[in-house]
Amino acid sequence: MAGFINYVTASFTELKEHVTWTSWPEAQRLTILVAVFSIIFALAIWGIDTVFSGVIEQYFEWIKS
C-alpha cells in the first residue's frame, strides 16, 4: 500500500512542478483546430465510403446481369 501512496504522491509532484501546461487561449485554439480537422476527416471518409459503396453496388448489378 505504501508503494501506491508513493506513486500517487510522486505523480502529483510531477504534475505540479515539472509539467508545462498550455495557456487557456492556446488550449481553446488547439481544441478548435482538432475539431475542425476531425470533421474534415470524417467527411472525407464518408465521401470515400459513399463512392466505394456505389462502385460495389454497380459491380454486383453488373455481375447479376
PDB file of N, CA and C in Angstrom:
ATOM      1  N   MET A   1       0.828  -1.195   0.000  1.00  0.00           N
ATOM      2  CA  MET A   1       0.000   0.000   0.000  1.00  0.00           C
ATOM      3  C   MET A   1       0.870   1.255   0.000  1.00  0.00           C
ATOM      4  N   ALA A   2       2.012   1.191   0.684  1.00  0.00           N
ATOM      5  CA  ALA A   2       2.899   2.352   0.751  1.00  0.00           C
ATOM      6  C   ALA A   2       3.454   2.680  -0.630  1.00  0.00           C
ATOM      7  N   GLY A   3       3.685   1.650  -1.447  1.00  0.00           N
ATOM      8  CA  GLY A   3       4.177   1.870  -2.809  1.00  0.00           C
ATOM      9  C   GLY A   3       3.179   2.660  -3.649  1.00  0.00           C
ATOM     10  N   PHE A   4       1.902   2.343  -3.484  1.00  0.00           N
ATOM     11  CA  PHE A   4       0.857   3.040  -4.215  1.00  0.00           C
ATOM     12  C   PHE A   4       0.775   4.503  -3.789  1.00  0.00           C
ATOM     13  N   ILE A   5       0.847   4.746  -2.490  1.00  0.00           N
ATOM     14  CA  ILE A   5       0.793   6.119  -1.970  1.00  0.00           C
ATOM     15  C   ILE A   5       2.001   6.919  -2.469  1.00  0.00           C
ATOM     16  N   ASN A   6       3.170   6.298  -2.470  1.00  0.00           N
ATOM     17  CA  ASN A   6       4.359   6.976  -3.003  1.00  0.00           C
ATOM     18  C   ASN A   6       4.198   7.303  -4.481  1.00  0.00           C
ATOM     19  N   TYR A   7       3.607   6.359  -5.226  1.00  0.00           N
ATOM     20  CA  TYR A   7       3.379   6.584  -6.659  1.00  0.00           C
ATOM     21  C   TYR A   7       2.444   7.774  -6.889  1.00  0.00           C
ATOM     22  N   VAL A   8       1.336   7.816  -6.155  1.00  0.00           N
ATOM     23  CA  VAL A   8       0.365   8.905  -6.307  1.00  0.00           C
ATOM     24  C   VAL A   8       1.007  10.237  -5.902  1.00  0.00           C
ATOM     25  N   THR A   9       1.742  10.251  -4.805  1.00  0.00           N
ATOM     26  CA  THR A   9       2.410  11.476  -4.350  1.00  0.00           C
ATOM     27  C   THR A   9       3.425  11.958  -5.383  1.00  0.00           C
ATOM     28  N   ALA A  10       4.209  11.033  -5.922  1.00  0.00           N
ATOM     29  CA  ALA A  10       5.202  11.390  -6.940  1.00  0.00           C
ATOM     30  C   ALA A  10       4.515  11.890  -8.207  1.00  0.00           C
ATOM     31  N   SER A  11       3.386  11.316  -8.563  1.00  0.00           N
ATOM     32  CA  SER A  11       2.646  11.751  -9.749  1.00  0.00           C
ATOM     33  C   SER A  11       2.145  13.185  -9.590  1.00  0.00           C
ATOM     34  N   PHE A  12       1.571  13.498  -8.432  1.00  0.00           N
ATOM     35  CA  PHE A  12       1.093  14.856  -8.189  1.00  0.00           C
ATOM     36  C   PHE A  12       2.253  15.848  -8.176  1.00  0.00           C
ATOM     37  N   THR A  13       3.371  15.462  -7.597  1.00  0.00           N
ATOM     38  CA  THR A  13       4.551  16.336  -7.585  1.00  0.00           C
ATOM     39  C   THR A  13       5.028  16.600  -9.009  1.00  0.00           C
ATOM     40  N   GLU A  14       5.046  15.553  -9.808  1.00  0.00           N
ATOM     41  CA  GLU A  14       5.456  15.695 -11.218  1.00  0.00           C
ATOM     42  C   GLU A  14       4.527  16.655 -11.950  1.00  0.00           C
ATOM     43  N   LEU A  15       3.223  16.511 -11.741  1.00  0.00           N
ATOM     44  CA  LEU A  15       2.251  17.377 -12.406  1.00  0.00           C
ATOM     45  C   LEU A  15       2.391  18.835 -11.969  1.00  0.00           C
ATOM     46  N   LYS A  16       2.637  19.064 -10.699  1.00  0.00           N
ATOM     47  CA  LYS A  16       2.718  20.435 -10.185  1.00  0.00           C
ATOM     48  C   LYS A  16       4.030  21.117 -10.556  1.00  0.00           C
ATOM     49  N   GLU A  17       5.130  20.388 -10.549  1.00  0.00           N
ATOM     50  CA  GLU A  17       6.435  21.034 -10.648  1.00  0.00           C
ATOM     51  C   GLU A  17       7.145  20.859 -11.992  1.00  0.00           C
ATOM     52  N   HIS A  18       6.806  19.835 -12.760  1.00  0.00           N
ATOM     53  CA  HIS A  18       7.591  19.553 -13.948  1.00  0.00           C
ATOM     54  C   HIS A  18       6.815  19.625 -15.263  1.00  0.00           C
ATOM     55  N   VAL A  19       5.508  19.611 -15.210  1.00  0.00           N
ATOM     56  CA  VAL A  19       4.714  19.635 -16.429  1.00  0.00           C
ATOM     57  C   VAL A  19       4.444  21.076 -16.818  1.00  0.00           C
ATOM     58  N   THR A  20       4.637  21.388 -18.096  1.00  0.00           N
ATOM     59  CA  THR A  20       4.329  22.711 -18.612  1.00  0.00           C
ATOM     60  C   THR A  20       2.946  22.655 -19.258  1.00  0.00           C
ATOM     61  N   TRP A  21       2.019  23.387 -18.689  1.00  0.00           N
ATOM     62  CA  TRP A  21       0.652  23.395 -19.199  1.00  0.00           C
ATOM     63  C   TRP A  21       0.500  24.540 -20.188  1.00  0.00           C
ATOM     64  N   THR A  22      -0.278  24.300 -21.250  1.00  0.00           N
ATOM     65  CA  THR A  22      -0.536  25.373 -22.209  1.00  0.00           C
ATOM     66  C   THR A  22      -1.495  26.381 -21.591  1.00  0.00           C
ATOM     67  N   SER A  23      -1.472  27.588 -22.126  1.00  0.00           N
ATOM     68  CA  SER A  23      -2.387  28.624 -21.633  1.00  0.00           C
ATOM     69  C   SER A  23      -3.805  28.292 -22.088  1.00  0.00           C
ATOM     70  N   TRP A  24      -4.772  28.894 -21.421  1.00  0.00           N
ATOM     71  CA  TRP A  24      -6.180  28.630 -21.753  1.00  0.00           C
ATOM     72  C   TRP A  24      -6.515  29.026 -23.193  1.00  0.00           C
ATOM     73  N   PRO A  25      -6.092  30.216 -23.681  1.00  0.00           N
ATOM     74  CA  PRO A  25      -6.390  30.545 -25.083  1.00  0.00           C
ATOM     75  C   PRO A  25      -5.737  29.573 -26.070  1.00  0.00           C
ATOM     76  N   GLU A  26      -4.532  29.124 -25.783  1.00  0.00           N
ATOM     77  CA  GLU A  26      -3.861  28.160 -26.652  1.00  0.00           C
ATOM     78  C   GLU A  26      -4.595  26.821 -26.645  1.00  0.00           C
ATOM     79  N   ALA A  27      -5.060  26.386 -25.487  1.00  0.00           N
ATOM     80  CA  ALA A  27      -5.814  25.134 -25.394  1.00  0.00           C
ATOM     81  C   ALA A  27      -7.121  25.233 -26.180  1.00  0.00           C
ATOM     82  N   GLN A  28      -7.794  26.376 -26.106  1.00  0.00           N
ATOM     83  CA  GLN A  28      -9.033  26.569 -26.865  1.00  0.00           C
ATOM     84  C   GLN A  28      -8.759  26.545 -28.364  1.00  0.00           C
ATOM     85  N   ARG A  29      -7.688  27.225 -28.782  1.00  0.00           N
ATOM     86  CA  ARG A  29      -7.344  27.265 -30.201  1.00  0.00           C
ATOM     87  C   ARG A  29      -7.027  25.867 -30.726  1.00  0.00           C
ATOM     88  N   LEU A  30      -6.268  25.108 -29.969  1.00  0.00           N
ATOM     89  CA  LEU A  30      -5.916  23.755 -30.395  1.00  0.00           C
ATOM     90  C   LEU A  30      -7.131  22.825 -30.395  1.00  0.00           C
ATOM     91  N   THR A  31      -8.044  23.023 -29.450  1.00  0.00           N
ATOM     92  CA  THR A  31      -9.267  22.221 -29.417  1.00  0.00           C
ATOM     93  C   THR A  31     -10.110  22.473 -30.657  1.00  0.00           C
ATOM     94  N   ILE A  32     -10.234  23.724 -31.036  1.00  0.00           N
ATOM     95  CA  ILE A  32     -10.994  24.069 -32.248  1.00  0.00           C
ATOM     96  C   ILE A  32     -10.314  23.477 -33.480  1.00  0.00           C
ATOM     97  N   LEU A  33      -8.995  23.557 -33.524  1.00  0.00           N
ATOM     98  CA  LEU A  33      -8.243  23.002 -34.649  1.00  0.00           C
ATOM     99  C   LEU A  33      -8.477  21.496 -34.769  1.00  0.00           C
ATOM    100  N   VAL A  34      -8.420  20.787 -33.660  1.00  0.00           N
ATOM    101  CA  VAL A  34      -8.663  19.339 -33.674  1.00  0.00           C
ATOM    102  C   VAL A  34     -10.098  19.038 -34.110  1.00  0.00           C
ATOM    103  N   ALA A  35     -11.061  19.814 -33.628  1.00  0.00           N
ATOM    104  CA  ALA A  35     -12.462  19.592 -34.002  1.00  0.00           C
ATOM    105  C   ALA A  35     -12.668  19.804 -35.502  1.00  0.00           C
ATOM    106  N   VAL A  36     -12.067  20.858 -36.049  1.00  0.00           N
ATOM    107  CA  VAL A  36     -12.221  21.147 -37.485  1.00  0.00           C
ATOM    108  C   VAL A  36     -11.606  20.026 -38.318  1.00  0.00           C
ATOM    109  N   PHE A  37     -10.386  19.615 -37.979  1.00  0.00           N
ATOM    110  CA  PHE A  37      -9.755  18.545 -38.747  1.00  0.00           C
ATOM    111  C   PHE A  37     -10.489  17.219 -38.577  1.00  0.00           C
ATOM    112  N   SER A  38     -11.081  16.970 -37.409  1.00  0.00           N
ATOM    113  CA  SER A  38     -11.858  15.751 -37.218  1.00  0.00           C
ATOM    114  C   SER A  38     -13.095  15.746 -38.109  1.00  0.00           C
ATOM    115  N   ILE A  39     -13.752  16.893 -38.210  1.00  0.00           N
ATOM    116  CA  ILE A  39     -14.927  16.998 -39.080  1.00  0.00           C
ATOM    117  C   ILE A  39     -14.536  16.821 -40.537  1.00  0.00           C
ATOM    118  N   ILE A  40     -13.448  17.466 -40.954  1.00  0.00           N
ATOM    119  CA  ILE A  40     -12.982  17.327 -42.340  1.00  0.00           C
ATOM    120  C   ILE A  40     -12.629  15.873 -42.640  1.00  0.00           C
ATOM    121  N   PHE A  41     -11.917  15.219 -41.731  1.00  0.00           N
ATOM    122  CA  PHE A  41     -11.534  13.828 -41.923  1.00  0.00           C
ATOM    123  C   PHE A  41     -12.770  12.929 -41.979  1.00  0.00           C
ATOM    124  N   ALA A  42     -13.739  13.173 -41.108  1.00  0.00           N
ATOM    125  CA  ALA A  42     -14.970  12.374 -41.110  1.00  0.00           C
ATOM    126  C   ALA A  42     -15.726  12.545 -42.431  1.00  0.00           C
ATOM    127  N   LEU A  43     -15.783  13.766 -42.943  1.00  0.00           N
ATOM    128  CA  LEU A  43     -16.450  13.993 -44.227  1.00  0.00           C
ATOM    129  C   LEU A  43     -15.710  13.307 -45.370  1.00  0.00           C
ATOM    130  N   ALA A  44     -14.383  13.316 -45.327  1.00  0.00           N
ATOM    131  CA  ALA A  44     -13.597  12.641 -46.356  1.00  0.00           C
ATOM    132  C   ALA A  44     -13.847  11.135 -46.321  1.00  0.00           C
ATOM    133  N   ILE A  45     -13.853  10.553 -45.141  1.00  0.00           N
ATOM    134  CA  ILE A  45     -14.120   9.119 -45.001  1.00  0.00           C
ATOM    135  C   ILE A  45     -15.529   8.796 -45.480  1.00  0.00           C
ATOM    136  N   TRP A  46     -16.488   9.637 -45.120  1.00  0.00           N
ATOM    137  CA  TRP A  46     -17.874   9.430 -45.567  1.00  0.00           C
ATOM    138  C   TRP A  46     -17.956   9.468 -47.095  1.00  0.00           C
ATOM    139  N   GLY A  47     -17.268  10.431 -47.703  1.00  0.00           N
ATOM    140  CA  GLY A  47     -17.288  10.538 -49.160  1.00  0.00           C
ATOM    141  C   GLY A  47     -16.672   9.319 -49.826  1.00  0.00           C
ATOM    142  N   ILE A  48     -15.526   8.874 -49.336  1.00  0.00           N
ATOM    143  CA  ILE A  48     -14.876   7.690 -49.896  1.00  0.00           C
ATOM    144  C   ILE A  48     -15.755   6.464 -49.713  1.00  0.00           C
ATOM    145  N   ASP A  49     -16.370   6.326 -48.556  1.00  0.00           N
ATOM    146  CA  ASP A  49     -17.257   5.196 -48.292  1.00  0.00           C
ATOM    147  C   ASP A  49     -18.453   5.209 -49.240  1.00  0.00           C
ATOM    148  N   THR A  50     -19.011   6.386 -49.479  1.00  0.00           N
ATOM    149  CA  THR A  50     -20.157   6.505 -50.385  1.00  0.00           C
ATOM    150  C   THR A  50     -19.772   6.100 -51.799  1.00  0.00           C
ATOM    151  N   VAL A  51     -18.606   6.573 -52.257  1.00  0.00           N
ATOM    152  CA  VAL A  51     -18.151   6.233 -53.611  1.00  0.00           C
ATOM    153  C   VAL A  51     -17.904   4.732 -53.722  1.00  0.00           C
ATOM    154  N   PHE A  52     -17.181   4.150 -52.778  1.00  0.00           N
ATOM    155  CA  PHE A  52     -16.903   2.718 -52.830  1.00  0.00           C
ATOM    156  C   PHE A  52     -18.183   1.901 -52.737  1.00  0.00           C
ATOM    157  N   SER A  53     -19.125   2.344 -51.938  1.00  0.00           N
ATOM    158  CA  SER A  53     -20.395   1.640 -51.821  1.00  0.00           C
ATOM    159  C   SER A  53     -21.119   1.634 -53.170  1.00  0.00           C
ATOM    160  N   GLY A  54     -21.121   2.770 -53.847  1.00  0.00           N
ATOM    161  CA  GLY A  54     -21.750   2.840 -55.170  1.00  0.00           C
ATOM    162  C   GLY A  54     -21.041   1.966 -56.183  1.00  0.00           C
ATOM    163  N   VAL A  55     -19.713   1.961 -56.143  1.00  0.00           N
ATOM    164  CA  VAL A  55     -18.937   1.134 -57.079  1.00  0.00           C
ATOM    165  C   VAL A  55     -19.228  -0.344 -56.847  1.00  0.00           C
ATOM    166  N   ILE A  56     -19.251  -0.757 -55.592  1.00  0.00           N
ATOM    167  CA  ILE A  56     -19.520  -2.164 -55.289  1.00  0.00           C
ATOM    168  C   ILE A  56     -20.945  -2.535 -55.685  1.00  0.00           C
ATOM    169  N   GLU A  57     -21.882  -1.626 -55.448  1.00  0.00           N
ATOM    170  CA  GLU A  57     -23.271  -1.873 -55.848  1.00  0.00           C
ATOM    171  C   GLU A  57     -23.370  -2.054 -57.358  1.00  0.00           C
ATOM    172  N   GLN A  58     -22.715  -1.201 -58.111  1.00  0.00           N
ATOM    173  CA  GLN A  58     -22.716  -1.308 -59.579  1.00  0.00           C
ATOM    174  C   GLN A  58     -22.055  -2.604 -60.039  1.00  0.00           C
ATOM    175  N   TYR A  59     -20.981  -2.998 -59.360  1.00  0.00           N
ATOM    176  CA  TYR A  59     -20.279  -4.231 -59.712  1.00  0.00           C
ATOM    177  C   TYR A  59     -21.205  -5.431 -59.556  1.00  0.00           C
ATOM    178  N   PHE A  60     -21.938  -5.494 -58.442  1.00  0.00           N
ATOM    179  CA  PHE A  60     -22.824  -6.632 -58.233  1.00  0.00           C
ATOM    180  C   PHE A  60     -24.026  -6.590 -59.182  1.00  0.00           C
ATOM    181  N   GLU A  61     -24.464  -5.407 -59.557  1.00  0.00           N
ATOM    182  CA  GLU A  61     -25.527  -5.302 -60.573  1.00  0.00           C
ATOM    183  C   GLU A  61     -25.013  -5.807 -61.908  1.00  0.00           C
ATOM    184  N   TRP A  62     -23.766  -5.485 -62.219  1.00  0.00           N
ATOM    185  CA  TRP A  62     -23.161  -5.908 -63.483  1.00  0.00           C
ATOM    186  C   TRP A  62     -22.974  -7.431 -63.510  1.00  0.00           C
ATOM    187  N   ILE A  63     -22.593  -8.006 -62.369  1.00  0.00           N
ATOM    188  CA  ILE A  63     -22.391  -9.463 -62.276  1.00  0.00           C
ATOM    189  C   ILE A  63     -23.729 -10.194 -62.396  1.00  0.00           C
ATOM    190  N   LYS A  64     -24.771  -9.611 -61.816  1.00  0.00           N
ATOM    191  CA  LYS A  64     -26.092 -10.221 -61.844  1.00  0.00           C
ATOM    192  C   LYS A  64     -26.637 -10.344 -63.275  1.00  0.00           C
ATOM    193  N   SER A  65     -26.334  -9.365 -64.085  1.00  0.00           N
ATOM    194  CA  SER A  65     -26.912  -9.330 -65.449  1.00  0.00           C
ATOM    195  C   SER A  65     -26.344 -10.366 -66.348  1.00  0.00           C
TER     196      SER A  65
END
